[in-house]
């Protein structure tokens, strides 16, 4: 199985989300680094950890995020083919597993869904928490330096790519744990 994170791996959206969450952190929490603390996390984690008991704020942020996402640019990471949306067999969402990254639950669920093992599974990730989750799942992890530098990503994966340009299935199979 080949399991892909979406933001920062298939679509170049991480920078835009960083802008949104930076502003939310400053406006609601007086915190100027919220965006770096939540990369790779689910909304449930974000709300439970940073906005617990703040129902009004959660509703405001959800509405603002929905509007932000409607107007956001959805550009593919270089080398990802536009027909990629037809190439996925399943889309797994945060509501399908209980623990957020860096717990490996999302990737373990992917392996279960596709009836595969870590030895035959590849994970593509860009965020630190996502890379840690991939490694904890014991899959072969390919990190993308689209959100963080190659130097920062390298210790958390088996192989680092700048993007998908020139990357093929055969090259993926040459990556080993």
C-alpha atoms as a PDB file:
ATOM      1  CA  UNK A   1       0.000   0.000   0.000  1.00  0.00           C
ATOM      2  CA  UNK A   2       1.097   3.561  -0.587  1.00  0.00           C
ATOM      3  CA  UNK A   3      -0.343   6.016   1.940  1.00  0.00           C
ATOM      4  CA  UNK A   4      -0.215   9.759   1.301  1.00  0.00           C
ATOM      5  CA  UNK A   5      -0.838  12.629   3.651  1.00  0.00           C
ATOM      6  CA  UNK A   6      -2.668  15.352   1.694  1.00  0.00           C
ATOM      7  CA  UNK A   7      -1.622  18.850   2.783  1.00  0.00           C
ATOM      8  CA  UNK A   8       2.004  19.499   1.888  1.00  0.00           C
ATOM      9  CA  UNK A   9       2.341  16.135   0.133  1.00  0.00           C
ATOM     10  CA  UNK A  10      -0.221  16.063  -2.676  1.00  0.00           C
ATOM     11  CA  UNK A  11      -1.352  19.693  -2.538  1.00  0.00           C
ATOM     12  CA  UNK A  12       0.785  22.721  -1.681  1.00  0.00           C
ATOM     13  CA  UNK A  13      -1.481  24.058   1.070  1.00  0.00           C
ATOM     14  CA  UNK A  14       0.688  24.023   4.207  1.00  0.00           C
ATOM     15  CA  UNK A  15       1.948  27.600   3.851  1.00  0.00           C
ATOM     16  CA  UNK A  16      -1.609  28.862   3.525  1.00  0.00           C
ATOM     17  CA  UNK A  17      -2.739  26.905   6.589  1.00  0.00           C
ATOM     18  CA  UNK A  18       0.222  28.309   8.500  1.00  0.00           C
ATOM     19  CA  UNK A  19      -0.994  31.845   7.754  1.00  0.00           C
ATOM     20  CA  UNK A  20      -4.523  30.976   8.923  1.00  0.00           C
ATOM     21  CA  UNK A  21      -3.451  29.239  12.141  1.00  0.00           C
ATOM     22  CA  UNK A  22      -0.848  31.906  12.963  1.00  0.00           C
ATOM     23  CA  UNK A  23      -3.585  34.540  12.863  1.00  0.00           C
ATOM     24  CA  UNK A  24      -5.965  32.353  14.919  1.00  0.00           C
ATOM     25  CA  UNK A  25      -3.229  31.797  17.501  1.00  0.00           C
ATOM     26  CA  UNK A  26      -2.484  35.503  17.806  1.00  0.00           C
ATOM     27  CA  UNK A  27      -6.139  36.611  17.768  1.00  0.00           C
ATOM     28  CA  UNK A  28      -7.561  34.016  20.144  1.00  0.00           C
ATOM     29  CA  UNK A  29      -4.654  32.915  22.314  1.00  0.00           C
ATOM     30  CA  UNK A  30      -2.027  35.647  22.115  1.00  0.00           C
ATOM     31  CA  UNK A  31       0.294  32.904  20.811  1.00  0.00           C
ATOM     32  CA  UNK A  32       2.602  33.584  17.870  1.00  0.00           C
ATOM     33  CA  UNK A  33       3.611  29.987  17.086  1.00  0.00           C
ATOM     34  CA  UNK A  34       0.347  28.028  17.091  1.00  0.00           C
ATOM     35  CA  UNK A  35       0.878  27.048  13.451  1.00  0.00           C
ATOM     36  CA  UNK A  36       4.096  25.175  14.253  1.00  0.00           C
ATOM     37  CA  UNK A  37       2.512  23.383  17.211  1.00  0.00           C
ATOM     38  CA  UNK A  38      -0.400  21.964  15.223  1.00  0.00           C
ATOM     39  CA  UNK A  39       1.138  20.807  11.918  1.00  0.00           C
ATOM     40  CA  UNK A  40      -0.147  17.342  11.090  1.00  0.00           C
ATOM     41  CA  UNK A  41      -2.846  17.467  13.785  1.00  0.00           C
ATOM     42  CA  UNK A  42      -6.596  16.947  13.562  1.00  0.00           C
ATOM     43  CA  UNK A  43      -9.156  19.614  14.398  1.00  0.00           C
ATOM     44  CA  UNK A  44     -10.184  17.528  17.409  1.00  0.00           C
ATOM     45  CA  UNK A  45      -6.622  17.656  18.735  1.00  0.00           C
ATOM     46  CA  UNK A  46      -6.329  21.394  18.048  1.00  0.00           C
ATOM     47  CA  UNK A  47      -9.603  22.199  19.777  1.00  0.00           C
ATOM     48  CA  UNK A  48      -9.067  19.815  22.713  1.00  0.00           C
ATOM     49  CA  UNK A  49      -5.511  21.029  23.295  1.00  0.00           C
ATOM     50  CA  UNK A  50      -5.709  24.768  22.633  1.00  0.00           C
ATOM     51  CA  UNK A  51      -9.408  25.689  22.702  1.00  0.00           C
ATOM     52  CA  UNK A  52     -10.852  23.315  25.310  1.00  0.00           C
ATOM     53  CA  UNK A  53     -14.162  24.601  26.654  1.00  0.00           C
ATOM     54  CA  UNK A  54     -14.137  27.544  24.224  1.00  0.00           C
ATOM     55  CA  UNK A  55     -17.211  26.580  22.202  1.00  0.00           C
ATOM     56  CA  UNK A  56     -17.835  30.071  20.794  1.00  0.00           C
ATOM     57  CA  UNK A  57     -14.220  30.392  19.644  1.00  0.00           C
ATOM     58  CA  UNK A  58     -14.277  26.920  18.101  1.00  0.00           C
ATOM     59  CA  UNK A  59     -17.406  27.827  16.136  1.00  0.00           C
ATOM     60  CA  UNK A  60     -15.866  31.103  14.945  1.00  0.00           C
ATOM     61  CA  UNK A  61     -12.633  29.387  13.907  1.00  0.00           C
ATOM     62  CA  UNK A  62     -14.497  26.590  12.100  1.00  0.00           C
ATOM     63  CA  UNK A  63     -16.575  29.122  10.133  1.00  0.00           C
ATOM     64  CA  UNK A  64     -13.474  31.193   9.303  1.00  0.00           C
ATOM     65  CA  UNK A  65     -11.542  28.061   8.269  1.00  0.00           C
ATOM     66  CA  UNK A  66     -14.376  26.909   6.000  1.00  0.00           C
ATOM     67  CA  UNK A  67     -14.407  30.332   4.279  1.00  0.00           C
ATOM     68  CA  UNK A  68     -10.598  30.345   4.080  1.00  0.00           C
ATOM     69  CA  UNK A  69     -10.556  26.885   2.455  1.00  0.00           C
ATOM     70  CA  UNK A  70     -13.157  27.927  -0.136  1.00  0.00           C
ATOM     71  CA  UNK A  71     -10.845  30.722  -1.328  1.00  0.00           C
ATOM     72  CA  UNK A  72      -7.540  28.896  -0.907  1.00  0.00           C
ATOM     73  CA  UNK A  73      -5.325  27.971  -3.855  1.00  0.00           C
ATOM     74  CA  UNK A  74      -5.065  24.226  -4.365  1.00  0.00           C
ATOM     75  CA  UNK A  75      -1.871  23.766  -6.330  1.00  0.00           C
ATOM     76  CA  UNK A  76      -0.302  20.355  -6.751  1.00  0.00           C
ATOM     77  CA  UNK A  77       3.148  19.687  -5.337  1.00  0.00           C
ATOM     78  CA  UNK A  78       5.511  19.708  -8.353  1.00  0.00           C
ATOM     79  CA  UNK A  79       5.618  16.311 -10.029  1.00  0.00           C
ATOM     80  CA  UNK A  80       2.211  15.219  -8.672  1.00  0.00           C
ATOM     81  CA  UNK A  81      -0.004  14.552 -11.653  1.00  0.00           C
ATOM     82  CA  UNK A  82      -3.405  16.293 -11.885  1.00  0.00           C
ATOM     83  CA  UNK A  83      -5.060  12.938 -12.490  1.00  0.00           C
ATOM     84  CA  UNK A  84      -3.839  11.867  -9.047  1.00  0.00           C
ATOM     85  CA  UNK A  85      -7.369  12.287  -7.654  1.00  0.00           C
ATOM     86  CA  UNK A  86      -8.490   9.309  -9.754  1.00  0.00           C
ATOM     87  CA  UNK A  87      -5.604   7.168  -8.529  1.00  0.00           C
ATOM     88  CA  UNK A  88      -6.675   6.767  -4.877  1.00  0.00           C
ATOM     89  CA  UNK A  89      -8.657   3.738  -3.780  1.00  0.00           C
ATOM     90  CA  UNK A  90      -9.737   5.193  -0.424  1.00  0.00           C
ATOM     91  CA  UNK A  91      -9.606   8.452   1.453  1.00  0.00           C
ATOM     92  CA  UNK A  92      -9.219   8.141   5.208  1.00  0.00           C
ATOM     93  CA  UNK A  93     -10.152  11.089   7.403  1.00  0.00           C
ATOM     94  CA  UNK A  94      -9.435  12.049  11.013  1.00  0.00           C
ATOM     95  CA  UNK A  95     -12.881  10.908  12.133  1.00  0.00           C
ATOM     96  CA  UNK A  96     -11.862   7.309  11.374  1.00  0.00           C
ATOM     97  CA  UNK A  97      -9.167   6.976  14.063  1.00  0.00           C
ATOM     98  CA  UNK A  98      -8.947   8.056  17.664  1.00  0.00           C
ATOM     99  CA  UNK A  99      -5.410   9.376  18.145  1.00  0.00           C
ATOM    100  CA  UNK A 100      -3.810  12.185  16.178  1.00  0.00           C
ATOM    101  CA  UNK A 101      -0.291  12.146  14.748  1.00  0.00           C
ATOM    102  CA  UNK A 102       2.418  11.477  15.973  1.00  0.00           C
ATOM    103  CA  UNK A 103       0.465   8.360  16.971  1.00  0.00           C
ATOM    104  CA  UNK A 104       0.565   5.926  14.017  1.00  0.00           C
ATOM    105  CA  UNK A 105      -3.195   5.227  14.052  1.00  0.00           C
ATOM    106  CA  UNK A 106      -3.955   6.778  10.652  1.00  0.00           C
ATOM    107  CA  UNK A 107      -1.283   4.703   8.910  1.00  0.00           C
ATOM    108  CA  UNK A 108      -2.130   1.536  10.823  1.00  0.00           C
ATOM    109  CA  UNK A 109      -5.733   1.992   9.721  1.00  0.00           C
ATOM    110  CA  UNK A 110      -4.536   2.384   6.132  1.00  0.00           C
ATOM    111  CA  UNK A 111      -2.629  -0.895   6.415  1.00  0.00           C
ATOM    112  CA  UNK A 112      -5.699  -2.592   7.855  1.00  0.00           C
ATOM    113  CA  UNK A 113      -7.972  -1.234   5.119  1.00  0.00           C
ATOM    114  CA  UNK A 114      -5.595  -2.467   2.395  1.00  0.00           C
ATOM    115  CA  UNK A 115      -4.737  -5.714   4.211  1.00  0.00           C
ATOM    116  CA  UNK A 116      -1.022  -5.014   4.100  1.00  0.00           C
ATOM    117  CA  UNK A 117       1.879  -4.990   6.542  1.00  0.00           C
ATOM    118  CA  UNK A 118       4.541  -2.395   7.375  1.00  0.00           C
ATOM    119  CA  UNK A 119       7.007  -4.318   5.191  1.00  0.00           C
ATOM    120  CA  UNK A 120       4.861  -3.670   2.111  1.00  0.00           C
ATOM    121  CA  UNK A 121       3.651  -0.159   2.968  1.00  0.00           C
ATOM    122  CA  UNK A 122       5.087   3.220   1.965  1.00  0.00           C
ATOM    123  CA  UNK A 123       4.095   6.444   3.711  1.00  0.00           C
ATOM    124  CA  UNK A 124       4.559   9.902   2.174  1.00  0.00           C
ATOM    125  CA  UNK A 125       4.614  12.734   4.738  1.00  0.00           C
ATOM    126  CA  UNK A 126       5.876  16.286   5.189  1.00  0.00           C
ATOM    127  CA  UNK A 127       5.105  17.353   8.772  1.00  0.00           C
ATOM    128  CA  UNK A 128       7.208  16.365  11.759  1.00  0.00           C
ATOM    129  CA  UNK A 129       4.251  14.729  13.511  1.00  0.00           C
ATOM    130  CA  UNK A 130       3.281  12.909  10.317  1.00  0.00           C
ATOM    131  CA  UNK A 131       6.822  11.646   9.778  1.00  0.00           C
ATOM    132  CA  UNK A 132       6.969  10.441  13.382  1.00  0.00           C
ATOM    133  CA  UNK A 133       3.613   8.677  12.901  1.00  0.00           C
ATOM    134  CA  UNK A 134       4.864   7.011   9.735  1.00  0.00           C
ATOM    135  CA  UNK A 135       8.007   5.782  11.460  1.00  0.00           C
ATOM    136  CA  UNK A 136       5.975   4.544  14.449  1.00  0.00           C
ATOM    137  CA  UNK A 137       3.820   2.520  12.035  1.00  0.00           C
ATOM    138  CA  UNK A 138       7.039   0.755  10.922  1.00  0.00           C
ATOM    139  CA  UNK A 139       6.278   1.448   7.241  1.00  0.00           C
ATOM    140  CA  UNK A 140       8.894   2.770   4.823  1.00  0.00           C
ATOM    141  CA  UNK A 141       8.624   6.543   5.173  1.00  0.00           C
ATOM    142  CA  UNK A 142       9.401   8.988   2.381  1.00  0.00           C
ATOM    143  CA  UNK A 143       9.580  12.566   3.591  1.00  0.00           C
ATOM    144  CA  UNK A 144       8.822  15.563   1.443  1.00  0.00           C
ATOM    145  CA  UNK A 145      10.788  18.757   2.063  1.00  0.00           C
ATOM    146  CA  UNK A 146       7.812  20.884   1.035  1.00  0.00           C
ATOM    147  CA  UNK A 147       6.961  22.190   4.508  1.00  0.00           C
ATOM    148  CA  UNK A 148      10.253  21.767   6.361  1.00  0.00           C
ATOM    149  CA  UNK A 149      13.870  21.705   5.234  1.00  0.00           C
ATOM    150  CA  UNK A 150      15.577  18.548   3.947  1.00  0.00           C
ATOM    151  CA  UNK A 151      17.921  18.690   6.931  1.00  0.00           C
ATOM    152  CA  UNK A 152      15.030  18.768   9.401  1.00  0.00           C
ATOM    153  CA  UNK A 153      13.058  16.029   7.619  1.00  0.00           C
ATOM    154  CA  UNK A 154      15.950  13.609   6.958  1.00  0.00           C
ATOM    155  CA  UNK A 155      16.318  12.136  10.471  1.00  0.00           C
ATOM    156  CA  UNK A 156      12.593  11.316  10.551  1.00  0.00           C
ATOM    157  CA  UNK A 157      12.320   9.201   7.399  1.00  0.00           C
ATOM    158  CA  UNK A 158      14.066   6.701   5.136  1.00  0.00           C
ATOM    159  CA  UNK A 159      14.307   8.998   2.105  1.00  0.00           C
ATOM    160  CA  UNK A 160      13.744  12.713   1.422  1.00  0.00           C
ATOM    161  CA  UNK A 161      12.265  14.211  -1.746  1.00  0.00           C
ATOM    162  CA  UNK A 162      12.032  17.903  -2.611  1.00  0.00           C
ATOM    163  CA  UNK A 163       8.904  17.091  -4.612  1.00  0.00           C
ATOM    164  CA  UNK A 164       7.705  14.340  -6.964  1.00  0.00           C
ATOM    165  CA  UNK A 165       9.548  15.558 -10.059  1.00  0.00           C
ATOM    166  CA  UNK A 166      11.189  12.531 -11.668  1.00  0.00           C
ATOM    167  CA  UNK A 167      10.034  10.212  -8.890  1.00  0.00           C
ATOM    168  CA  UNK A 168       8.565   6.919 -10.132  1.00  0.00           C
ATOM    169  CA  UNK A 169       7.083   3.744  -8.716  1.00  0.00           C
ATOM    170  CA  UNK A 170      10.328   1.909  -9.478  1.00  0.00           C
ATOM    171  CA  UNK A 171      12.329   4.548  -7.569  1.00  0.00           C
ATOM    172  CA  UNK A 172       9.942   4.186  -4.636  1.00  0.00           C
ATOM    173  CA  UNK A 173      10.575   0.433  -4.541  1.00  0.00           C
ATOM    174  CA  UNK A 174      14.317   1.119  -4.231  1.00  0.00           C
ATOM    175  CA  UNK A 175      13.779   2.948  -0.915  1.00  0.00           C
ATOM    176  CA  UNK A 176      14.429   0.629   2.019  1.00  0.00           C
ATOM    177  CA  UNK A 177      14.151   0.906   5.770  1.00  0.00           C
END
